[in-house]
PDB file of N, CA and C in Angstrom:
ATOM      1  N   MET A   1      55.516 187.825-140.830  1.00  0.00           N
ATOM      2  CA  MET A   1      56.038 187.891-142.190  1.00  0.00           C
ATOM      3  C   MET A   1      54.951 187.472-143.187  1.00  0.00           C
ATOM      4  N   LYS A   2      53.784 188.062-143.085  1.00  0.00           N
ATOM      5  CA  LYS A   2      52.697 187.701-143.969  1.00  0.00           C
ATOM      6  C   LYS A   2      52.638 188.577-145.205  1.00  0.00           C
ATOM      7  N   GLU A   3      53.441 189.610-145.249  1.00  0.00           N
ATOM      8  CA  GLU A   3      53.479 190.434-146.448  1.00  0.00           C
ATOM      9  C   GLU A   3      54.882 190.375-147.038  1.00  0.00           C
ATOM     10  N   ILE A   4      54.970 190.791-148.261  1.00  0.00           N
ATOM     11  CA  ILE A   4      56.258 190.741-148.940  1.00  0.00           C
ATOM     12  C   ILE A   4      57.173 191.803-148.343  1.00  0.00           C
ATOM     13  N   CYS A   5      58.272 191.334-147.754  1.00  0.00           N
ATOM     14  CA  CYS A   5      59.268 192.228-147.186  1.00  0.00           C
ATOM     15  C   CYS A   5      60.644 191.580-147.367  1.00  0.00           C
ATOM     16  N   ARG A   6      61.658 192.365-147.234  1.00  0.00           N
ATOM     17  CA  ARG A   6      63.024 191.895-147.497  1.00  0.00           C
ATOM     18  C   ARG A   6      63.414 190.690-146.650  1.00  0.00           C
ATOM     19  N   GLU A   7      62.807 190.517-145.483  1.00  0.00           N
ATOM     20  CA  GLU A   7      63.131 189.379-144.617  1.00  0.00           C
ATOM     21  C   GLU A   7      62.922 188.052-145.341  1.00  0.00           C
ATOM     22  N   TRP A   8      61.972 188.014-146.262  1.00  0.00           N
ATOM     23  CA  TRP A   8      61.695 186.785-147.014  1.00  0.00           C
ATOM     24  C   TRP A   8      62.873 186.369-147.887  1.00  0.00           C
ATOM     25  N   GLU A   9      63.701 187.322-148.268  1.00  0.00           N
ATOM     26  CA  GLU A   9      64.815 187.021-149.164  1.00  0.00           C
ATOM     27  C   GLU A   9      65.808 186.057-148.533  1.00  0.00           C
ATOM     28  N   GLY A  10      65.866 185.983-147.211  1.00  0.00           N
ATOM     29  CA  GLY A  10      66.774 185.080-146.524  1.00  0.00           C
ATOM     30  C   GLY A  10      66.161 183.739-146.168  1.00  0.00           C
ATOM     31  N   VAL A  11      64.926 183.519-146.569  1.00  0.00           N
ATOM     32  CA  VAL A  11      64.210 182.287-146.237  1.00  0.00           C
ATOM     33  C   VAL A  11      64.354 181.286-147.385  1.00  0.00           C
ATOM     34  N   GLU A  12      64.540 180.017-147.033  1.00  0.00           N
ATOM     35  CA  GLU A  12      64.566 178.976-148.066  1.00  0.00           C
ATOM     36  C   GLU A  12      63.168 178.826-148.658  1.00  0.00           C
ATOM     37  N   PRO A  13      63.077 178.396-149.912  1.00  0.00           N
ATOM     38  CA  PRO A  13      61.767 178.212-150.521  1.00  0.00           C
ATOM     39  C   PRO A  13      60.875 177.309-149.664  1.00  0.00           C
ATOM     40  N   CYS A  14      59.619 177.717-149.523  1.00  0.00           N
ATOM     41  CA  CYS A  14      58.681 176.964-148.705  1.00  0.00           C
ATOM     42  C   CYS A  14      57.262 177.253-149.186  1.00  0.00           C
ATOM     43  N   GLY A  15      56.328 176.498-148.668  1.00  0.00           N
ATOM     44  CA  GLY A  15      54.935 176.670-149.054  1.00  0.00           C
ATOM     45  C   GLY A  15      54.395 178.053-148.733  1.00  0.00           C
ATOM     46  N   ALA A  16      54.808 178.602-147.602  1.00  0.00           N
ATOM     47  CA  ALA A  16      54.346 179.938-147.221  1.00  0.00           C
ATOM     48  C   ALA A  16      54.810 180.978-148.233  1.00  0.00           C
ATOM     49  N   MET A  17      56.006 180.781-148.782  1.00  0.00           N
ATOM     50  CA  MET A  17      56.528 181.704-149.779  1.00  0.00           C
ATOM     51  C   MET A  17      55.682 181.627-151.053  1.00  0.00           C
ATOM     52  N   VAL A  18      55.342 180.414-151.448  1.00  0.00           N
ATOM     53  CA  VAL A  18      54.495 180.231-152.630  1.00  0.00           C
ATOM     54  C   VAL A  18      53.136 180.880-152.388  1.00  0.00           C
ATOM     55  N   ASP A  19      52.542 180.620-151.221  1.00  0.00           N
ATOM     56  CA  ASP A  19      51.241 181.211-150.885  1.00  0.00           C
ATOM     57  C   ASP A  19      51.303 182.729-150.943  1.00  0.00           C
ATOM     58  N   LEU A  20      52.386 183.293-150.445  1.00  0.00           N
ATOM     59  CA  LEU A  20      52.559 184.738-150.450  1.00  0.00           C
ATOM     60  C   LEU A  20      52.534 185.285-151.877  1.00  0.00           C
ATOM     61  N   LEU A  21      53.259 184.628-152.770  1.00  0.00           N
ATOM     62  CA  LEU A  21      53.308 185.093-154.153  1.00  0.00           C
ATOM     63  C   LEU A  21      51.993 184.853-154.885  1.00  0.00           C
ATOM     64  N   VAL A  22      51.344 183.736-154.595  1.00  0.00           N
ATOM     65  CA  VAL A  22      50.062 183.444-155.251  1.00  0.00           C
ATOM     66  C   VAL A  22      49.029 184.507-154.879  1.00  0.00           C
ATOM     67  N   GLY A  23      49.066 184.963-153.639  1.00  0.00           N
ATOM     68  CA  GLY A  23      48.076 185.916-153.178  1.00  0.00           C
ATOM     69  C   GLY A  23      48.405 187.375-153.401  1.00  0.00           C
ATOM     70  N   MET A  24      49.538 187.679-153.989  1.00  0.00           N
ATOM     71  CA  MET A  24      49.936 189.084-154.106  1.00  0.00           C
ATOM     72  C   MET A  24      49.259 189.766-155.293  1.00  0.00           C
ATOM     73  N   ASP A  25      49.110 191.059-155.165  1.00  0.00           N
ATOM     74  CA  ASP A  25      48.618 191.922-156.236  1.00  0.00           C
ATOM     75  C   ASP A  25      49.801 192.798-156.632  1.00  0.00           C
ATOM     76  N   VAL A  26      50.424 192.473-157.739  1.00  0.00           N
ATOM     77  CA  VAL A  26      51.654 193.164-158.150  1.00  0.00           C
ATOM     78  C   VAL A  26      51.440 194.670-158.244  1.00  0.00           C
ATOM     79  N   GLY A  27      50.282 195.078-158.691  1.00  0.00           N
ATOM     80  CA  GLY A  27      50.008 196.499-158.849  1.00  0.00           C
ATOM     81  C   GLY A  27      50.008 197.278-157.543  1.00  0.00           C
ATOM     82  N   ARG A  28      49.841 196.600-156.432  1.00  0.00           N
ATOM     83  CA  ARG A  28      49.812 197.279-155.135  1.00  0.00           C
ATOM     84  C   ARG A  28      51.158 197.227-154.408  1.00  0.00           C
ATOM     85  N   LEU A  29      52.153 196.598-155.010  1.00  0.00           N
ATOM     86  CA  LEU A  29      53.459 196.479-154.358  1.00  0.00           C
ATOM     87  C   LEU A  29      54.296 197.727-154.564  1.00  0.00           C
ATOM     88  N   SER A  30      55.093 198.044-153.557  1.00  0.00           N
ATOM     89  CA  SER A  30      56.074 199.121-153.708  1.00  0.00           C
ATOM     90  C   SER A  30      57.206 198.603-154.590  1.00  0.00           C
ATOM     91  N   GLU A  31      58.070 199.500-155.005  1.00  0.00           N
ATOM     92  CA  GLU A  31      59.214 199.079-155.828  1.00  0.00           C
ATOM     93  C   GLU A  31      60.085 198.082-155.065  1.00  0.00           C
ATOM     94  N   GLU A  32      60.306 198.330-153.789  1.00  0.00           N
ATOM     95  CA  GLU A  32      61.110 197.413-152.976  1.00  0.00           C
ATOM     96  C   GLU A  32      60.434 196.046-152.886  1.00  0.00           C
ATOM     97  N   GLN A  33      59.134 196.016-152.710  1.00  0.00           N
ATOM     98  CA  GLN A  33      58.406 194.747-152.637  1.00  0.00           C
ATOM     99  C   GLN A  33      58.454 194.007-153.971  1.00  0.00           C
ATOM    100  N   LYS A  34      58.436 194.738-155.068  1.00  0.00           N
ATOM    101  CA  LYS A  34      58.534 194.100-156.392  1.00  0.00           C
ATOM    102  C   LYS A  34      59.884 193.409-156.553  1.00  0.00           C
ATOM    103  N   VAL A  35      60.942 194.062-156.088  1.00  0.00           N
ATOM    104  CA  VAL A  35      62.277 193.444-156.147  1.00  0.00           C
ATOM    105  C   VAL A  35      62.286 192.162-155.322  1.00  0.00           C
ATOM    106  N   THR A  36      61.734 192.235-154.121  1.00  0.00           N
ATOM    107  CA  THR A  36      61.680 191.057-153.252  1.00  0.00           C
ATOM    108  C   THR A  36      60.832 189.962-153.885  1.00  0.00           C
ATOM    109  N   ALA A  37      59.688 190.317-154.465  1.00  0.00           N
ATOM    110  CA  ALA A  37      58.831 189.323-155.114  1.00  0.00           C
ATOM    111  C   ALA A  37      59.580 188.637-156.255  1.00  0.00           C
ATOM    112  N   TYR A  38      60.341 189.399-156.995  1.00  0.00           N
ATOM    113  CA  TYR A  38      61.143 188.837-158.087  1.00  0.00           C
ATOM    114  C   TYR A  38      62.153 187.827-157.544  1.00  0.00           C
ATOM    115  N   ILE A  39      62.827 188.187-156.479  1.00  0.00           N
ATOM    116  CA  ILE A  39      63.808 187.287-155.872  1.00  0.00           C
ATOM    117  C   ILE A  39      63.132 186.018-155.365  1.00  0.00           C
ATOM    118  N   LEU A  40      61.988 186.158-154.730  1.00  0.00           N
ATOM    119  CA  LEU A  40      61.274 184.986-154.220  1.00  0.00           C
ATOM    120  C   LEU A  40      60.822 184.080-155.356  1.00  0.00           C
ATOM    121  N   ALA A  41      60.338 184.666-156.432  1.00  0.00           N
ATOM    122  CA  ALA A  41      59.915 183.861-157.592  1.00  0.00           C
ATOM    123  C   ALA A  41      61.106 183.084-158.157  1.00  0.00           C
ATOM    124  N   ARG A  42      62.267 183.705-158.203  1.00  0.00           N
ATOM    125  CA  ARG A  42      63.463 183.018-158.695  1.00  0.00           C
ATOM    126  C   ARG A  42      63.866 181.875-157.762  1.00  0.00           C
ATOM    127  N   LYS A  43      63.754 182.097-156.442  1.00  0.00           N
ATOM    128  CA  LYS A  43      64.068 181.034-155.480  1.00  0.00           C
ATOM    129  C   LYS A  43      63.140 179.842-155.675  1.00  0.00           C
ATOM    130  N   ILE A  44      61.871 180.107-155.843  1.00  0.00           N
ATOM    131  CA  ILE A  44      60.901 179.032-156.042  1.00  0.00           C
ATOM    132  C   ILE A  44      61.179 178.311-157.356  1.00  0.00           C
ATOM    133  N   GLY A  45      61.527 179.070-158.388  1.00  0.00           N
ATOM    134  CA  GLY A  45      61.877 178.456-159.671  1.00  0.00           C
ATOM    135  C   GLY A  45      63.106 177.568-159.560  1.00  0.00           C
ATOM    136  N   ALA A  46      64.094 178.014-158.823  1.00  0.00           N
ATOM    137  CA  ALA A  46      65.312 177.216-158.632  1.00  0.00           C
ATOM    138  C   ALA A  46      64.979 175.935-157.876  1.00  0.00           C
ATOM    139  N   PHE A  47      64.163 176.049-156.841  1.00  0.00           N
ATOM    140  CA  PHE A  47      63.735 174.877-156.084  1.00  0.00           C
ATOM    141  C   PHE A  47      63.023 173.880-157.008  1.00  0.00           C
ATOM    142  N   ALA A  48      62.113 174.382-157.820  1.00  0.00           N
ATOM    143  CA  ALA A  48      61.371 173.512-158.737  1.00  0.00           C
ATOM    144  C   ALA A  48      62.324 172.840-159.730  1.00  0.00           C
ATOM    145  N   SER A  49      63.314 173.563-160.209  1.00  0.00           N
ATOM    146  CA  SER A  49      64.307 172.982-161.121  1.00  0.00           C
ATOM    147  C   SER A  49      65.082 171.859-160.449  1.00  0.00           C
ATOM    148  N   ALA A  50      65.439 172.055-159.188  1.00  0.00           N
ATOM    149  CA  ALA A  50      66.164 171.014-158.452  1.00  0.00           C
ATOM    150  C   ALA A  50      65.308 169.760-158.310  1.00  0.00           C
ATOM    151  N   VAL A  51      64.041 169.946-157.995  1.00  0.00           N
ATOM    152  CA  VAL A  51      63.144 168.795-157.857  1.00  0.00           C
ATOM    153  C   VAL A  51      63.021 168.060-159.190  1.00  0.00           C
ATOM    154  N   GLU A  52      62.869 168.788-160.283  1.00  0.00           N
ATOM    155  CA  GLU A  52      62.789 168.158-161.604  1.00  0.00           C
ATOM    156  C   GLU A  52      64.032 167.316-161.881  1.00  0.00           C
ATOM    157  N   LEU A  53      65.206 167.877-161.601  1.00  0.00           N
ATOM    158  CA  LEU A  53      66.448 167.138-161.836  1.00  0.00           C
ATOM    159  C   LEU A  53      66.527 165.891-160.971  1.00  0.00           C
ATOM    160  N   GLU A  54      66.155 166.009-159.712  1.00  0.00           N
ATOM    161  CA  GLU A  54      66.212 164.860-158.804  1.00  0.00           C
ATOM    162  C   GLU A  54      65.251 163.767-159.260  1.00  0.00           C
ATOM    163  N   VAL A  55      64.071 164.155-159.700  1.00  0.00           N
ATOM    164  CA  VAL A  55      63.095 163.164-160.182  1.00  0.00           C
ATOM    165  C   VAL A  55      63.607 162.491-161.451  1.00  0.00           C
ATOM    166  N   LEU A  56      64.044 163.288-162.418  1.00  0.00           N
ATOM    167  CA  LEU A  56      64.525 162.711-163.675  1.00  0.00           C
ATOM    168  C   LEU A  56      65.745 161.828-163.467  1.00  0.00           C
ATOM    169  N   ASN A  57      66.568 162.164-162.508  1.00  0.00           N
ATOM    170  CA  ASN A  57      67.740 161.345-162.234  1.00  0.00           C
ATOM    171  C   ASN A  57      67.344 159.939-161.782  1.00  0.00           C
ATOM    172  N   GLY A  58      66.165 159.815-161.204  1.00  0.00           N
ATOM    173  CA  GLY A  58      65.704 158.513-160.735  1.00  0.00           C
ATOM    174  C   GLY A  58      64.797 157.779-161.703  1.00  0.00           C
ATOM    175  N   VAL A  59      64.559 158.367-162.869  1.00  0.00           N
ATOM    176  CA  VAL A  59      63.679 157.764-163.863  1.00  0.00           C
ATOM    177  C   VAL A  59      64.525 157.048-164.913  1.00  0.00           C
ATOM    178  N   GLU A  60      64.144 155.830-165.236  1.00  0.00           N
ATOM    179  CA  GLU A  60      64.876 155.080-166.267  1.00  0.00           C
ATOM    180  C   GLU A  60      64.430 155.473-167.677  1.00  0.00           C
ATOM    181  N   ASP A  61      63.139 155.432-167.921  1.00  0.00           N
ATOM    182  CA  ASP A  61      62.585 155.695-169.250  1.00  0.00           C
ATOM    183  C   ASP A  61      61.793 156.996-169.194  1.00  0.00           C
ATOM    184  N   VAL A  62      62.175 157.970-169.998  1.00  0.00           N
ATOM    185  CA  VAL A  62      61.545 159.288-169.947  1.00  0.00           C
ATOM    186  C   VAL A  62      60.272 159.387-170.782  1.00  0.00           C
ATOM    187  N   THR A  63      59.903 158.325-171.467  1.00  0.00           N
ATOM    188  CA  THR A  63      58.743 158.376-172.354  1.00  0.00           C
ATOM    189  C   THR A  63      57.479 158.799-171.611  1.00  0.00           C
ATOM    190  N   GLU A  64      57.198 158.158-170.498  1.00  0.00           N
ATOM    191  CA  GLU A  64      55.983 158.475-169.747  1.00  0.00           C
ATOM    192  C   GLU A  64      56.036 159.894-169.185  1.00  0.00           C
ATOM    193  N   VAL A  65      57.206 160.302-168.727  1.00  0.00           N
ATOM    194  CA  VAL A  65      57.358 161.663-168.202  1.00  0.00           C
ATOM    195  C   VAL A  65      57.085 162.674-169.313  1.00  0.00           C
ATOM    196  N   ALA A  66      57.655 162.434-170.479  1.00  0.00           N
ATOM    197  CA  ALA A  66      57.464 163.347-171.608  1.00  0.00           C
ATOM    198  C   ALA A  66      55.987 163.434-172.004  1.00  0.00           C
ATOM    199  N   MET A  67      55.335 162.298-172.038  1.00  0.00           N
ATOM    200  CA  MET A  67      53.912 162.293-172.396  1.00  0.00           C
ATOM    201  C   MET A  67      53.092 163.053-171.356  1.00  0.00           C
ATOM    202  N   ALA A  68      53.335 162.797-170.084  1.00  0.00           N
ATOM    203  CA  ALA A  68      52.577 163.447-169.016  1.00  0.00           C
ATOM    204  C   ALA A  68      52.838 164.953-168.994  1.00  0.00           C
ATOM    205  N   ALA A  69      54.068 165.343-169.266  1.00  0.00           N
ATOM    206  CA  ALA A  69      54.438 166.760-169.242  1.00  0.00           C
ATOM    207  C   ALA A  69      54.130 167.466-170.558  1.00  0.00           C
ATOM    208  N   ARG A  70      53.719 166.683-171.548  1.00  0.00           N
ATOM    209  CA  ARG A  70      53.444 167.215-172.891  1.00  0.00           C
ATOM    210  C   ARG A  70      54.658 167.934-173.454  1.00  0.00           C
ATOM    211  N   GLU A  71      55.788 167.279-173.261  1.00  0.00           N
ATOM    212  CA  GLU A  71      57.070 167.771-173.758  1.00  0.00           C
ATOM    213  C   GLU A  71      57.610 166.763-174.767  1.00  0.00           C
ATOM    214  N   PRO A  72      58.367 167.217-175.750  1.00  0.00           N
ATOM    215  CA  PRO A  72      58.983 166.268-176.665  1.00  0.00           C
ATOM    216  C   PRO A  72      59.908 165.311-175.908  1.00  0.00           C
ATOM    217  N   GLU A  73      59.846 164.055-176.269  1.00  0.00           N
ATOM    218  CA  GLU A  73      60.671 163.060-175.578  1.00  0.00           C
ATOM    219  C   GLU A  73      62.154 163.398-175.689  1.00  0.00           C
ATOM    220  N   ARG A  74      62.535 163.941-176.800  1.00  0.00           N
ATOM    221  CA  ARG A  74      63.948 164.311-176.988  1.00  0.00           C
ATOM    222  C   ARG A  74      64.374 165.387-175.984  1.00  0.00           C
ATOM    223  N   ALA A  75      63.510 166.371-175.759  1.00  0.00           N
ATOM    224  CA  ALA A  75      63.821 167.440-174.803  1.00  0.00           C
ATOM    225  C   ALA A  75      63.930 166.877-173.387  1.00  0.00           C
ATOM    226  N   VAL A  76      63.018 165.996-173.026  1.00  0.00           N
ATOM    227  CA  VAL A  76      63.067 165.394-171.695  1.00  0.00           C
ATOM    228  C   VAL A  76      64.299 164.495-171.594  1.00  0.00           C
ATOM    229  N   GLY A  77      64.666 163.857-172.696  1.00  0.00           N
ATOM    230  CA  GLY A  77      65.876 163.037-172.718  1.00  0.00           C
ATOM    231  C   GLY A  77      67.126 163.868-172.441  1.00  0.00           C
ATOM    232  N   ARG A  78      67.169 165.083-173.008  1.00  0.00           N
ATOM    233  CA  ARG A  78      68.315 165.978-172.734  1.00  0.00           C
ATOM    234  C   ARG A  78      68.328 166.387-171.262  1.00  0.00           C
ATOM    235  N   GLN A  79      67.139 166.654-170.720  1.00  0.00           N
ATOM    236  CA  GLN A  79      67.066 166.985-169.294  1.00  0.00           C
ATOM    237  C   GLN A  79      67.521 165.801-168.451  1.00  0.00           C
ATOM    238  N   LYS A  80      67.148 164.601-168.886  1.00  0.00           N
ATOM    239  CA  LYS A  80      67.556 163.385-168.166  1.00  0.00           C
ATOM    240  C   LYS A  80      69.078 163.271-168.159  1.00  0.00           C
ATOM    241  N   GLU A  81      69.706 163.540-169.300  1.00  0.00           N
ATOM    242  CA  GLU A  81      71.173 163.498-169.366  1.00  0.00           C
ATOM    243  C   GLU A  81      71.778 164.521-168.402  1.00  0.00           C
ATOM    244  N   PHE A  82      71.218 165.725-168.379  1.00  0.00           N
ATOM    245  CA  PHE A  82      71.718 166.764-167.485  1.00  0.00           C
ATOM    246  C   PHE A  82      71.476 166.407-166.023  1.00  0.00           C
ATOM    247  N   SER A  83      70.478 165.577-165.749  1.00  0.00           N
ATOM    248  CA  SER A  83      70.160 165.234-164.359  1.00  0.00           C
ATOM    249  C   SER A  83      71.305 164.484-163.677  1.00  0.00           C
ATOM    250  N   GLY A  84      72.296 164.058-164.441  1.00  0.00           N
ATOM    251  CA  GLY A  84      73.498 163.465-163.850  1.00  0.00           C
ATOM    252  C   GLY A  84      74.214 164.429-162.922  1.00  0.00           C
ATOM    253  N   VAL A  85      73.877 165.713-163.047  1.00  0.00           N
ATOM    254  CA  VAL A  85      74.452 166.727-162.170  1.00  0.00           C
ATOM    255  C   VAL A  85      74.099 166.458-160.705  1.00  0.00           C
ATOM    256  N   VAL A  86      72.987 165.773-160.467  1.00  0.00           N
ATOM    257  CA  VAL A  86      72.561 165.464-159.093  1.00  0.00           C
ATOM    258  C   VAL A  86      73.633 164.649-158.384  1.00  0.00           C
ATOM    259  N   GLU A  87      74.240 163.715-159.104  1.00  0.00           N
ATOM    260  CA  GLU A  87      75.289 162.882-158.517  1.00  0.00           C
ATOM    261  C   GLU A  87      76.665 163.522-158.657  1.00  0.00           C
ATOM    262  N   ALA A  88      76.874 164.261-159.759  1.00  0.00           N
ATOM    263  CA  ALA A  88      78.188 164.843-160.012  1.00  0.00           C
ATOM    264  C   ALA A  88      78.475 166.056-159.130  1.00  0.00           C
ATOM    265  N   LEU A  89      77.457 166.873-158.884  1.00  0.00           N
ATOM    266  CA  LEU A  89      77.647 168.107-158.114  1.00  0.00           C
ATOM    267  C   LEU A  89      76.550 168.238-157.051  1.00  0.00           C
ATOM    268  N   PRO A  90      76.512 167.338-156.086  1.00  0.00           N
ATOM    269  CA  PRO A  90      75.415 167.350-155.112  1.00  0.00           C
ATOM    270  C   PRO A  90      75.327 168.626-154.273  1.00  0.00           C
ATOM    271  N   ARG A  91      76.468 169.215-153.937  1.00  0.00           N
ATOM    272  CA  ARG A  91      76.417 170.450-153.137  1.00  0.00           C
ATOM    273  C   ARG A  91      75.782 171.585-153.917  1.00  0.00           C
ATOM    274  N   MET A  92      76.090 171.663-155.195  1.00  0.00           N
ATOM    275  CA  MET A  92      75.488 172.712-156.012  1.00  0.00           C
ATOM    276  C   MET A  92      73.993 172.467-156.210  1.00  0.00           C
ATOM    277  N   VAL A  93      73.604 171.213-156.321  1.00  0.00           N
ATOM    278  CA  VAL A  93      72.180 170.903-156.445  1.00  0.00           C
ATOM    279  C   VAL A  93      71.450 171.298-155.159  1.00  0.00           C
ATOM    280  N   ARG A  94      72.084 171.110-154.022  1.00  0.00           N
ATOM    281  CA  ARG A  94      71.473 171.559-152.763  1.00  0.00           C
ATOM    282  C   ARG A  94      71.349 173.082-152.737  1.00  0.00           C
ATOM    283  N   GLN A  95      72.337 173.779-153.282  1.00  0.00           N
ATOM    284  CA  GLN A  95      72.244 175.244-153.375  1.00  0.00           C
ATOM    285  C   GLN A  95      71.090 175.652-154.287  1.00  0.00           C
ATOM    286  N   LEU A  96      70.926 174.926-155.382  1.00  0.00           N
ATOM    287  CA  LEU A  96      69.809 175.182-156.288  1.00  0.00           C
ATOM    288  C   LEU A  96      68.487 174.971-155.561  1.00  0.00           C
ATOM    289  N   ARG A  97      68.388 173.898-154.819  1.00  0.00           N
ATOM    290  CA  ARG A  97      67.165 173.572-154.070  1.00  0.00           C
ATOM    291  C   ARG A  97      66.829 174.664-153.052  1.00  0.00           C
ATOM    292  N   ARG A  98      67.856 175.281-152.482  1.00  0.00           N
ATOM    293  CA  ARG A  98      67.641 176.354-151.510  1.00  0.00           C
ATOM    294  C   ARG A  98      67.438 177.713-152.181  1.00  0.00           C
ATOM    295  N   GLY A  99      67.548 177.757-153.502  1.00  0.00           N
ATOM    296  CA  GLY A  99      67.369 179.017-154.215  1.00  0.00           C
ATOM    297  C   GLY A  99      68.564 179.941-154.143  1.00  0.00           C
ATOM    298  N   GLU A 100      69.722 179.396-153.800  1.00  0.00           N
ATOM    299  CA  GLU A 100      70.937 180.210-153.673  1.00  0.00           C
ATOM    300  C   GLU A 100      71.618 180.441-155.018  1.00  0.00           C
ATOM    301  N   ILE A 101      71.386 179.545-155.966  1.00  0.00           N
ATOM    302  CA  ILE A 101      71.887 179.698-157.332  1.00  0.00           C
ATOM    303  C   ILE A 101      70.729 179.385-158.271  1.00  0.00           C
ATOM    304  N   ASP A 102      70.895 179.712-159.530  1.00  0.00           N
ATOM    305  CA  ASP A 102      69.849 179.377-160.496  1.00  0.00           C
ATOM    306  C   ASP A 102      70.330 178.250-161.409  1.00  0.00           C
ATOM    307  N   LEU A 103      69.415 177.758-162.191  1.00  0.00           N
ATOM    308  CA  LEU A 103      69.711 176.613-163.058  1.00  0.00           C
ATOM    309  C   LEU A 103      70.803 176.932-164.072  1.00  0.00           C
ATOM    310  N   ARG A 104      70.805 178.145-164.591  1.00  0.00           N
ATOM    311  CA  ARG A 104      71.842 178.504-165.576  1.00  0.00           C
ATOM    312  C   ARG A 104      73.238 178.397-164.991  1.00  0.00           C
ATOM    313  N   ARG A 105      73.406 178.839-163.765  1.00  0.00           N
ATOM    314  CA  ARG A 105      74.731 178.757-163.133  1.00  0.00           C
ATOM    315  C   ARG A 105      75.153 177.299-162.978  1.00  0.00           C
ATOM    316  N   LEU A 106      74.211 176.459-162.577  1.00  0.00           N
ATOM    317  CA  LEU A 106      74.512 175.036-162.431  1.00  0.00           C
ATOM    318  C   LEU A 106      74.894 174.426-163.773  1.00  0.00           C
ATOM    319  N   GLU A 107      74.176 174.777-164.820  1.00  0.00           N
ATOM    320  CA  GLU A 107      74.493 174.261-166.157  1.00  0.00           C
ATOM    321  C   GLU A 107      75.886 174.684-166.599  1.00  0.00           C
ATOM    322  N   VAL A 108      76.229 175.931-166.368  1.00  0.00           N
ATOM    323  CA  VAL A 108      77.554 176.439-166.774  1.00  0.00           C
ATOM    324  C   VAL A 108      78.644 175.653-166.077  1.00  0.00           C
ATOM    325  N   VAL A 109      78.502 175.445-164.777  1.00  0.00           N
ATOM    326  CA  VAL A 109      79.536 174.718-164.021  1.00  0.00           C
ATOM    327  C   VAL A 109      79.602 173.269-164.490  1.00  0.00           C
ATOM    328  N   TYR A 110      78.460 172.637-164.698  1.00  0.00           N
ATOM    329  CA  TYR A 110      78.414 171.228-165.075  1.00  0.00           C
ATOM    330  C   TYR A 110      79.037 170.989-166.449  1.00  0.00           C
ATOM    331  N   TYR A 111      78.722 171.860-167.398  1.00  0.00           N
ATOM    332  CA  TYR A 111      79.201 171.650-168.756  1.00  0.00           C
ATOM    333  C   TYR A 111      80.581 172.250-168.996  1.00  0.00           C
ATOM    334  N   TRP A 112      81.074 173.022-168.064  1.00  0.00           N
ATOM    335  CA  TRP A 112      82.379 173.634-168.218  1.00  0.00           C
ATOM    336  C   TRP A 112      83.424 172.644-167.880  1.00  0.00           C
TER     337      TRP A 112
END
C-alpha cells in the first residue's frame, strides 16, 4: 500500500498516511486517486483537530499557547472552551481522532 489507493480509505490516520500525502504529485494522480487523497487529507485533519482539543483541554492558561501558535488569545480561548467536548462527548472525540467524523460535525452535536 505504498501508493494512493482506495484501501487507504479504511485505515486510521497514521504516519505512513501522512508520508504518502507529503510525497504525492497531485498532477499525476488519477481521478479516483484524487478522491482518495482528499479523503485521507480530511482524516489527517480530523486527527489533528482531535489532538488540538485534547491538548487544550489539559491547558489551564491559553496565553502561552496563543503566543506560540501566533493566534489571538481570544480565539484560542474559544477553542479552549470548546475543548470541553473531550470530556462531554469522548466517543465522538475518538471518532474524530480516527477520522470517522470531521470537526464541524462534532461542533454541531456539542452545541446542539
